[in-house]
Full PDB file with SEQRES, HELIX, SHEET, SSBOND, CRYST1, ORIGX, SCALE, CONECT and MASTER records, all heavy atoms in Angstrom:
SEQRES   1 A   33  ALA GLN ILE ALA GLY SER ILE ARG LYS GLY ALA ASN ALA          
SEQRES   2 A   33  TYR LEU LYS ARG GLN TYR ARG ALA VAL SER LEU PHE PHE          
SEQRES   3 A   33  ILE ALA VAL PHE VAL ILE LEU                                  
HELIX    1 AA1 GLN A    2  ILE A   32  1                                  31    
CRYST1    1.000    1.000    1.000  90.00  90.00  90.00 P 1           1          
ORIGX1      1.000000  0.000000  0.000000        0.00000                         
ORIGX2      0.000000  1.000000  0.000000        0.00000                         
ORIGX3      0.000000  0.000000  1.000000        0.00000                         
SCALE1      1.000000  0.000000  0.000000        0.00000                         
SCALE2      0.000000  1.000000  0.000000        0.00000                         
SCALE3      0.000000  0.000000  1.000000        0.00000                         
ATOM      1  N   ALA A   1    -188.798  97.840 -93.616  1.00  0.00           N  
ATOM      2  CA  ALA A   1    -189.973  98.715 -93.572  1.00  0.00           C  
ATOM      3  C   ALA A   1    -191.191  97.970 -93.038  1.00  0.00           C  
ATOM      4  O   ALA A   1    -192.000  98.537 -92.294  1.00  0.00           O  
ATOM      5  CB  ALA A   1    -190.253  99.274 -94.963  1.00  0.00           C  
ATOM      6  N   GLN A   2    -191.317  96.685 -93.401  1.00  0.00           N  
ATOM      7  CA  GLN A   2    -192.439  95.874 -92.901  1.00  0.00           C  
ATOM      8  C   GLN A   2    -192.332  95.683 -91.394  1.00  0.00           C  
ATOM      9  O   GLN A   2    -193.327  95.825 -90.665  1.00  0.00           O  
ATOM     10  CB  GLN A   2    -192.456  94.519 -93.604  1.00  0.00           C  
ATOM     11  CG  GLN A   2    -193.564  93.608 -93.129  1.00  0.00           C  
ATOM     12  CD  GLN A   2    -193.433  92.198 -93.691  1.00  0.00           C  
ATOM     13  OE1 GLN A   2    -192.422  91.847 -94.306  1.00  0.00           O  
ATOM     14  NE2 GLN A   2    -194.456  91.396 -93.475  1.00  0.00           N  
ATOM     15  N   ILE A   3    -191.141  95.378 -90.919  1.00  0.00           N  
ATOM     16  CA  ILE A   3    -190.935  95.198 -89.477  1.00  0.00           C  
ATOM     17  C   ILE A   3    -191.197  96.514 -88.743  1.00  0.00           C  
ATOM     18  O   ILE A   3    -191.859  96.533 -87.693  1.00  0.00           O  
ATOM     19  CB  ILE A   3    -189.511  94.676 -89.190  1.00  0.00           C  
ATOM     20  CG1 ILE A   3    -189.373  93.241 -89.721  1.00  0.00           C  
ATOM     21  CG2 ILE A   3    -189.196  94.734 -87.704  1.00  0.00           C  
ATOM     22  CD1 ILE A   3    -187.953  92.721 -89.725  1.00  0.00           C  
ATOM     23  N   ALA A   4    -190.721  97.618 -89.317  1.00  0.00           N  
ATOM     24  CA  ALA A   4    -190.951  98.937 -88.700  1.00  0.00           C  
ATOM     25  C   ALA A   4    -192.442  99.241 -88.637  1.00  0.00           C  
ATOM     26  O   ALA A   4    -192.927  99.800 -87.644  1.00  0.00           O  
ATOM     27  CB  ALA A   4    -190.213 100.019 -89.480  1.00  0.00           C  
ATOM     28  N   GLY A   5    -193.182  98.878 -89.683  1.00  0.00           N  
ATOM     29  CA  GLY A   5    -194.631  99.085 -89.682  1.00  0.00           C  
ATOM     30  C   GLY A   5    -195.310  98.289 -88.579  1.00  0.00           C  
ATOM     31  O   GLY A   5    -196.241  98.777 -87.927  1.00  0.00           O  
ATOM     32  N   SER A   6    -194.846  97.051 -88.373  1.00  0.00           N  
ATOM     33  CA  SER A   6    -195.417  96.224 -87.296  1.00  0.00           C  
ATOM     34  C   SER A   6    -195.112  96.817 -85.929  1.00  0.00           C  
ATOM     35  O   SER A   6    -195.955  96.806 -85.033  1.00  0.00           O  
ATOM     36  CB  SER A   6    -194.853  94.801 -87.380  1.00  0.00           C  
ATOM     37  OG  SER A   6    -195.242  94.194 -88.583  1.00  0.00           O  
ATOM     38  N   ILE A   7    -193.908  97.337 -85.775  1.00  0.00           N  
ATOM     39  CA  ILE A   7    -193.533  97.976 -84.511  1.00  0.00           C  
ATOM     40  C   ILE A   7    -194.412  99.197 -84.262  1.00  0.00           C  
ATOM     41  O   ILE A   7    -194.912  99.408 -83.157  1.00  0.00           O  
ATOM     42  CB  ILE A   7    -192.038  98.351 -84.501  1.00  0.00           C  
ATOM     43  CG1 ILE A   7    -191.190  97.077 -84.461  1.00  0.00           C  
ATOM     44  CG2 ILE A   7    -191.701  99.265 -83.322  1.00  0.00           C  
ATOM     45  CD1 ILE A   7    -189.708  97.313 -84.691  1.00  0.00           C  
ATOM     46  N   ARG A   8    -194.617 100.012 -85.297  1.00  0.00           N  
ATOM     47  CA  ARG A   8    -195.476 101.200 -85.162  1.00  0.00           C  
ATOM     48  C   ARG A   8    -196.901 100.811 -84.786  1.00  0.00           C  
ATOM     49  O   ARG A   8    -197.528 101.446 -83.943  1.00  0.00           O  
ATOM     50  CB  ARG A   8    -195.482 102.004 -86.464  1.00  0.00           C  
ATOM     51  CG  ARG A   8    -194.374 102.993 -86.569  1.00  0.00           C  
ATOM     52  CD  ARG A   8    -194.576 103.945 -87.730  1.00  0.00           C  
ATOM     53  NE  ARG A   8    -194.489 103.297 -89.025  1.00  0.00           N  
ATOM     54  CZ  ARG A   8    -193.352 103.041 -89.667  1.00  0.00           C  
ATOM     55  NH1 ARG A   8    -192.216 103.378 -89.121  1.00  0.00           N  
ATOM     56  NH2 ARG A   8    -193.364 102.459 -90.837  1.00  0.00           N  
ATOM     57  N   LYS A   9    -197.396  99.759 -85.425  1.00  0.00           N  
ATOM     58  CA  LYS A   9    -198.764  99.303 -85.136  1.00  0.00           C  
ATOM     59  C   LYS A   9    -198.880  98.868 -83.671  1.00  0.00           C  
ATOM     60  O   LYS A   9    -199.845  99.217 -82.983  1.00  0.00           O  
ATOM     61  CB  LYS A   9    -199.139  98.160 -86.072  1.00  0.00           C  
ATOM     62  CG  LYS A   9    -200.553  97.696 -85.948  1.00  0.00           C  
ATOM     63  CD  LYS A   9    -200.859  96.605 -86.971  1.00  0.00           C  
ATOM     64  CE  LYS A   9    -202.280  96.100 -86.791  1.00  0.00           C  
ATOM     65  NZ  LYS A   9    -202.591  95.023 -87.740  1.00  0.00           N  
ATOM     66  N   GLY A  10    -197.896  98.129 -83.185  1.00  0.00           N  
ATOM     67  CA  GLY A  10    -197.900  97.699 -81.786  1.00  0.00           C  
ATOM     68  C   GLY A  10    -197.776  98.867 -80.823  1.00  0.00           C  
ATOM     69  O   GLY A  10    -198.448  98.912 -79.786  1.00  0.00           O  
ATOM     70  N   ALA A  11    -196.919  99.827 -81.163  1.00  0.00           N  
ATOM     71  CA  ALA A  11    -196.745 101.001 -80.309  1.00  0.00           C  
ATOM     72  C   ALA A  11    -198.026 101.820 -80.245  1.00  0.00           C  
ATOM     73  O   ALA A  11    -198.405 102.309 -79.172  1.00  0.00           O  
ATOM     74  CB  ALA A  11    -195.588 101.860 -80.822  1.00  0.00           C  
ATOM     75  N   ASN A  12    -198.702 101.968 -81.375  1.00  0.00           N  
ATOM     76  CA  ASN A  12    -199.970 102.710 -81.385  1.00  0.00           C  
ATOM     77  C   ASN A  12    -201.040 102.002 -80.559  1.00  0.00           C  
ATOM     78  O   ASN A  12    -201.812 102.654 -79.852  1.00  0.00           O  
ATOM     79  CB  ASN A  12    -200.453 102.923 -82.820  1.00  0.00           C  
ATOM     80  CG  ASN A  12    -199.623 103.932 -83.565  1.00  0.00           C  
ATOM     81  OD1 ASN A  12    -198.985 104.785 -82.961  1.00  0.00           O  
ATOM     82  ND2 ASN A  12    -199.605 103.831 -84.882  1.00  0.00           N  
ATOM     83  N   ALA A  13    -201.085 100.667 -80.638  1.00  0.00           N  
ATOM     84  CA  ALA A  13    -202.043  99.913 -79.828  1.00  0.00           C  
ATOM     85  C   ALA A  13    -201.737 100.078 -78.344  1.00  0.00           C  
ATOM     86  O   ALA A  13    -202.652 100.243 -77.521  1.00  0.00           O  
ATOM     87  CB  ALA A  13    -202.017  98.440 -80.225  1.00  0.00           C  
ATOM     88  N   TYR A  14    -200.461 100.054 -78.000  1.00  0.00           N  
ATOM     89  CA  TYR A  14    -200.053 100.253 -76.605  1.00  0.00           C  
ATOM     90  C   TYR A  14    -200.477 101.626 -76.105  1.00  0.00           C  
ATOM     91  O   TYR A  14    -201.047 101.755 -75.017  1.00  0.00           O  
ATOM     92  CB  TYR A  14    -198.538 100.072 -76.485  1.00  0.00           C  
ATOM     93  CG  TYR A  14    -197.966 100.588 -75.198  1.00  0.00           C  
ATOM     94  CD1 TYR A  14    -198.114  99.859 -74.013  1.00  0.00           C  
ATOM     95  CD2 TYR A  14    -197.293 101.807 -75.135  1.00  0.00           C  
ATOM     96  CE1 TYR A  14    -197.601 100.337 -72.815  1.00  0.00           C  
ATOM     97  CE2 TYR A  14    -196.781 102.284 -73.950  1.00  0.00           C  
ATOM     98  CZ  TYR A  14    -196.938 101.549 -72.800  1.00  0.00           C  
ATOM     99  OH  TYR A  14    -196.431 102.016 -71.621  1.00  0.00           O  
ATOM    100  N   LEU A  15    -200.183 102.659 -76.903  1.00  0.00           N  
ATOM    101  CA  LEU A  15    -200.544 104.019 -76.483  1.00  0.00           C  
ATOM    102  C   LEU A  15    -202.050 104.177 -76.339  1.00  0.00           C  
ATOM    103  O   LEU A  15    -202.529 104.831 -75.406  1.00  0.00           O  
ATOM    104  CB  LEU A  15    -200.007 105.045 -77.485  1.00  0.00           C  
ATOM    105  CG  LEU A  15    -198.525 105.358 -77.396  1.00  0.00           C  
ATOM    106  CD1 LEU A  15    -198.140 106.350 -78.480  1.00  0.00           C  
ATOM    107  CD2 LEU A  15    -198.161 105.894 -76.031  1.00  0.00           C  
ATOM    108  N   LYS A  16    -202.799 103.597 -77.268  1.00  0.00           N  
ATOM    109  CA  LYS A  16    -204.253 103.708 -77.196  1.00  0.00           C  
ATOM    110  C   LYS A  16    -204.788 103.093 -75.913  1.00  0.00           C  
ATOM    111  O   LYS A  16    -205.612 103.691 -75.211  1.00  0.00           O  
ATOM    112  CB  LYS A  16    -204.887 103.020 -78.410  1.00  0.00           C  
ATOM    113  CG  LYS A  16    -206.382 103.165 -78.479  1.00  0.00           C  
ATOM    114  CD  LYS A  16    -206.927 102.510 -79.735  1.00  0.00           C  
ATOM    115  CE  LYS A  16    -208.437 102.645 -79.798  1.00  0.00           C  
ATOM    116  NZ  LYS A  16    -208.991 102.004 -80.992  1.00  0.00           N  
ATOM    117  N   ARG A  17    -204.276 101.924 -75.559  1.00  0.00           N  
ATOM    118  CA  ARG A  17    -204.722 101.263 -74.326  1.00  0.00           C  
ATOM    119  C   ARG A  17    -204.276 102.040 -73.087  1.00  0.00           C  
ATOM    120  O   ARG A  17    -205.036 102.227 -72.140  1.00  0.00           O  
ATOM    121  CB  ARG A  17    -204.189  99.835 -74.288  1.00  0.00           C  
ATOM    122  CG  ARG A  17    -204.644  99.074 -73.077  1.00  0.00           C  
ATOM    123  CD  ARG A  17    -204.130  97.653 -73.098  1.00  0.00           C  
ATOM    124  NE  ARG A  17    -204.522  96.980 -71.889  1.00  0.00           N  
ATOM    125  CZ  ARG A  17    -205.397  96.004 -71.840  1.00  0.00           C  
ATOM    126  NH1 ARG A  17    -205.965  95.587 -72.925  1.00  0.00           N  
ATOM    127  NH2 ARG A  17    -205.690  95.441 -70.700  1.00  0.00           N  
ATOM    128  N   GLN A  18    -203.041 102.497 -73.103  1.00  0.00           N  
ATOM    129  CA  GLN A  18    -202.518 103.234 -71.951  1.00  0.00           C  
ATOM    130  C   GLN A  18    -203.274 104.545 -71.757  1.00  0.00           C  
ATOM    131  O   GLN A  18    -203.651 104.883 -70.638  1.00  0.00           O  
ATOM    132  CB  GLN A  18    -201.041 103.514 -72.139  1.00  0.00           C  
ATOM    133  CG  GLN A  18    -200.421 104.249 -70.965  1.00  0.00           C  
ATOM    134  CD  GLN A  18    -198.968 104.602 -71.190  1.00  0.00           C  
ATOM    135  OE1 GLN A  18    -198.494 104.642 -72.320  1.00  0.00           O  
ATOM    136  NE2 GLN A  18    -198.260 104.880 -70.116  1.00  0.00           N  
ATOM    137  N   TYR A  19    -203.497 105.281 -72.825  1.00  0.00           N  
ATOM    138  CA  TYR A  19    -204.172 106.570 -72.705  1.00  0.00           C  
ATOM    139  C   TYR A  19    -205.626 106.417 -72.305  1.00  0.00           C  
ATOM    140  O   TYR A  19    -206.188 107.291 -71.655  1.00  0.00           O  
ATOM    141  CB  TYR A  19    -204.043 107.376 -73.991  1.00  0.00           C  
ATOM    142  CG  TYR A  19    -202.654 107.954 -74.208  1.00  0.00           C  
ATOM    143  CD1 TYR A  19    -202.336 108.597 -75.378  1.00  0.00           C  
ATOM    144  CD2 TYR A  19    -201.665 107.864 -73.226  1.00  0.00           C  
ATOM    145  CE1 TYR A  19    -201.069 109.132 -75.571  1.00  0.00           C  
ATOM    146  CE2 TYR A  19    -200.413 108.389 -73.411  1.00  0.00           C  
ATOM    147  CZ  TYR A  19    -200.110 109.026 -74.589  1.00  0.00           C  
ATOM    148  OH  TYR A  19    -198.868 109.567 -74.771  1.00  0.00           O  
ATOM    149  N   ARG A  20    -206.255 105.313 -72.674  1.00  0.00           N  
ATOM    150  CA  ARG A  20    -207.632 105.074 -72.236  1.00  0.00           C  
ATOM    151  C   ARG A  20    -207.670 104.907 -70.716  1.00  0.00           C  
ATOM    152  O   ARG A  20    -208.524 105.488 -70.037  1.00  0.00           O  
ATOM    153  CB  ARG A  20    -208.199 103.828 -72.927  1.00  0.00           C  
ATOM    154  CG  ARG A  20    -209.684 103.642 -72.651  1.00  0.00           C  
ATOM    155  CD  ARG A  20    -210.281 102.427 -73.359  1.00  0.00           C  
ATOM    156  NE  ARG A  20    -209.995 102.469 -74.784  1.00  0.00           N  
ATOM    157  CZ  ARG A  20    -209.537 101.422 -75.476  1.00  0.00           C  
ATOM    158  NH1 ARG A  20    -209.301 100.276 -74.885  1.00  0.00           N  
ATOM    159  NH2 ARG A  20    -209.308 101.518 -76.764  1.00  0.00           N  
ATOM    160  N   ALA A  21    -206.739 104.137 -70.172  1.00  0.00           N  
ATOM    161  CA  ALA A  21    -206.692 103.931 -68.723  1.00  0.00           C  
ATOM    162  C   ALA A  21    -206.315 105.221 -67.993  1.00  0.00           C  
ATOM    163  O   ALA A  21    -206.928 105.574 -66.976  1.00  0.00           O  
ATOM    164  CB  ALA A  21    -205.696 102.827 -68.388  1.00  0.00           C  
ATOM    165  N   VAL A  22    -205.340 105.937 -68.510  1.00  0.00           N  
ATOM    166  CA  VAL A  22    -204.893 107.174 -67.867  1.00  0.00           C  
ATOM    167  C   VAL A  22    -205.990 108.227 -67.907  1.00  0.00           C  
ATOM    168  O   VAL A  22    -206.166 108.994 -66.958  1.00  0.00           O  
ATOM    169  CB  VAL A  22    -203.589 107.680 -68.522  1.00  0.00           C  
ATOM    170  CG1 VAL A  22    -203.251 109.087 -68.088  1.00  0.00           C  
ATOM    171  CG2 VAL A  22    -202.445 106.741 -68.199  1.00  0.00           C  
ATOM    172  N   SER A  23    -206.756 108.278 -68.990  1.00  0.00           N  
ATOM    173  CA  SER A  23    -207.809 109.295 -69.077  1.00  0.00           C  
ATOM    174  C   SER A  23    -208.897 109.054 -68.031  1.00  0.00           C  
ATOM    175  O   SER A  23    -209.455 110.017 -67.495  1.00  0.00           O  
ATOM    176  CB  SER A  23    -208.397 109.402 -70.480  1.00  0.00           C  
ATOM    177  OG  SER A  23    -208.744 108.175 -70.999  1.00  0.00           O  
ATOM    178  N   LEU A  24    -209.175 107.805 -67.696  1.00  0.00           N  
ATOM    179  CA  LEU A  24    -210.135 107.529 -66.621  1.00  0.00           C  
ATOM    180  C   LEU A  24    -209.614 108.075 -65.286  1.00  0.00           C  
ATOM    181  O   LEU A  24    -210.361 108.672 -64.511  1.00  0.00           O  
ATOM    182  CB  LEU A  24    -210.419 106.036 -66.515  1.00  0.00           C  
ATOM    183  CG  LEU A  24    -211.144 105.403 -67.705  1.00  0.00           C  
ATOM    184  CD1 LEU A  24    -211.241 103.894 -67.529  1.00  0.00           C  
ATOM    185  CD2 LEU A  24    -212.511 106.018 -67.893  1.00  0.00           C  
ATOM    186  N   PHE A  25    -208.330 107.871 -65.042  1.00  0.00           N  
ATOM    187  CA  PHE A  25    -207.708 108.403 -63.830  1.00  0.00           C  
ATOM    188  C   PHE A  25    -207.778 109.932 -63.822  1.00  0.00           C  
ATOM    189  O   PHE A  25    -208.122 110.543 -62.810  1.00  0.00           O  
ATOM    190  CB  PHE A  25    -206.257 107.923 -63.734  1.00  0.00           C  
ATOM    191  CG  PHE A  25    -205.480 108.581 -62.633  1.00  0.00           C  
ATOM    192  CD1 PHE A  25    -205.638 108.169 -61.315  1.00  0.00           C  
ATOM    193  CD2 PHE A  25    -204.589 109.611 -62.900  1.00  0.00           C  
ATOM    194  CE1 PHE A  25    -204.929 108.775 -60.287  1.00  0.00           C  
ATOM    195  CE2 PHE A  25    -203.876 110.223 -61.888  1.00  0.00           C  
ATOM    196  CZ  PHE A  25    -204.043 109.803 -60.578  1.00  0.00           C  
ATOM    197  N   PHE A  26    -207.457 110.544 -64.949  1.00  0.00           N  
ATOM    198  CA  PHE A  26    -207.478 112.009 -65.032  1.00  0.00           C  
ATOM    199  C   PHE A  26    -208.876 112.563 -64.813  1.00  0.00           C  
ATOM    200  O   PHE A  26    -209.042 113.591 -64.170  1.00  0.00           O  
ATOM    201  CB  PHE A  26    -206.909 112.489 -66.369  1.00  0.00           C  
ATOM    202  CG  PHE A  26    -205.443 112.779 -66.308  1.00  0.00           C  
ATOM    203  CD1 PHE A  26    -204.518 111.776 -66.500  1.00  0.00           C  
ATOM    204  CD2 PHE A  26    -204.995 114.048 -66.030  1.00  0.00           C  
ATOM    205  CE1 PHE A  26    -203.166 112.026 -66.431  1.00  0.00           C  
ATOM    206  CE2 PHE A  26    -203.639 114.331 -65.950  1.00  0.00           C  
ATOM    207  CZ  PHE A  26    -202.729 113.309 -66.152  1.00  0.00           C  
ATOM    208  N   ILE A  27    -209.874 111.906 -65.344  1.00  0.00           N  
ATOM    209  CA  ILE A  27    -211.253 112.357 -65.134  1.00  0.00           C  
ATOM    210  C   ILE A  27    -211.602 112.304 -63.651  1.00  0.00           C  
ATOM    211  O   ILE A  27    -212.182 113.243 -63.105  1.00  0.00           O  
ATOM    212  CB  ILE A  27    -212.238 111.530 -65.992  1.00  0.00           C  
ATOM    213  CG1 ILE A  27    -212.047 111.873 -67.471  1.00  0.00           C  
ATOM    214  CG2 ILE A  27    -213.668 111.771 -65.560  1.00  0.00           C  
ATOM    215  CD1 ILE A  27    -212.769 110.929 -68.420  1.00  0.00           C  
ATOM    216  N   ALA A  28    -211.235 111.191 -63.003  1.00  0.00           N  
ATOM    217  CA  ALA A  28    -211.543 111.043 -61.580  1.00  0.00           C  
ATOM    218  C   ALA A  28    -210.836 112.113 -60.741  1.00  0.00           C  
ATOM    219  O   ALA A  28    -211.463 112.752 -59.883  1.00  0.00           O  
ATOM    220  CB  ALA A  28    -211.140 109.643 -61.106  1.00  0.00           C  
ATOM    221  N   VAL A  29    -209.557 112.334 -60.999  1.00  0.00           N  
ATOM    222  CA  VAL A  29    -208.817 113.334 -60.233  1.00  0.00           C  
ATOM    223  C   VAL A  29    -209.336 114.740 -60.544  1.00  0.00           C  
ATOM    224  O   VAL A  29    -209.446 115.582 -59.646  1.00  0.00           O  
ATOM    225  CB  VAL A  29    -207.300 113.217 -60.488  1.00  0.00           C  
ATOM    226  CG1 VAL A  29    -206.543 114.368 -59.833  1.00  0.00           C  
ATOM    227  CG2 VAL A  29    -206.780 111.883 -59.981  1.00  0.00           C  
ATOM    228  N   PHE A  30    -209.692 114.996 -61.805  1.00  0.00           N  
ATOM    229  CA  PHE A  30    -210.258 116.299 -62.166  1.00  0.00           C  
ATOM    230  C   PHE A  30    -211.528 116.572 -61.373  1.00  0.00           C  
ATOM    231  O   PHE A  30    -211.719 117.663 -60.843  1.00  0.00           O  
ATOM    232  CB  PHE A  30    -210.543 116.362 -63.670  1.00  0.00           C  
ATOM    233  CG  PHE A  30    -211.282 117.600 -64.081  1.00  0.00           C  
ATOM    234  CD1 PHE A  30    -210.615 118.808 -64.214  1.00  0.00           C  
ATOM    235  CD2 PHE A  30    -212.645 117.571 -64.322  1.00  0.00           C  
ATOM    236  CE1 PHE A  30    -211.290 119.958 -64.583  1.00  0.00           C  
ATOM    237  CE2 PHE A  30    -213.331 118.714 -64.695  1.00  0.00           C  
ATOM    238  CZ  PHE A  30    -212.651 119.915 -64.827  1.00  0.00           C  
ATOM    239  N   VAL A  31    -212.407 115.573 -61.284  1.00  0.00           N  
ATOM    240  CA  VAL A  31    -213.659 115.748 -60.545  1.00  0.00           C  
ATOM    241  C   VAL A  31    -213.365 116.023 -59.070  1.00  0.00           C  
ATOM    242  O   VAL A  31    -213.964 116.920 -58.462  1.00  0.00           O  
ATOM    243  CB  VAL A  31    -214.583 114.524 -60.732  1.00  0.00           C  
ATOM    244  CG1 VAL A  31    -215.749 114.557 -59.769  1.00  0.00           C  
ATOM    245  CG2 VAL A  31    -215.070 114.443 -62.171  1.00  0.00           C  
ATOM    246  N   ILE A  32    -212.431 115.269 -58.485  1.00  0.00           N  
ATOM    247  CA  ILE A  32    -212.074 115.476 -57.078  1.00  0.00           C  
ATOM    248  C   ILE A  32    -211.522 116.889 -56.869  1.00  0.00           C  
ATOM    249  O   ILE A  32    -211.922 117.598 -55.934  1.00  0.00           O  
ATOM    250  CB  ILE A  32    -211.061 114.408 -56.601  1.00  0.00           C  
ATOM    251  CG1 ILE A  32    -211.735 113.034 -56.562  1.00  0.00           C  
ATOM    252  CG2 ILE A  32    -210.471 114.777 -55.241  1.00  0.00           C  
ATOM    253  CD1 ILE A  32    -210.774 111.882 -56.375  1.00  0.00           C  
ATOM    254  N   LEU A  33    -210.612 117.302 -57.745  1.00  0.00           N  
ATOM    255  CA  LEU A  33    -210.040 118.647 -57.614  1.00  0.00           C  
ATOM    256  C   LEU A  33    -211.092 119.724 -57.832  1.00  0.00           C  
ATOM    257  O   LEU A  33    -211.074 120.763 -57.155  1.00  0.00           O  
ATOM    258  CB  LEU A  33    -208.889 118.834 -58.611  1.00  0.00           C  
ATOM    259  CG  LEU A  33    -207.616 118.039 -58.334  1.00  0.00           C  
ATOM    260  CD1 LEU A  33    -206.631 118.195 -59.478  1.00  0.00           C  
ATOM    261  CD2 LEU A  33    -207.000 118.446 -57.013  1.00  0.00           C  
TER     262      LEU A  33                                                      
MASTER        0    0    0    1    0    0    0    6  261    1    0    3          
END                                                                             
């Protein structure tokens, strides 16, 4: 359970970073469209 919690924490950090970068791209493309 401890290892699974660490994996979840890492996955959430990854998603947060990825979605921050992707949202900048989406904003830019939205404005262009």
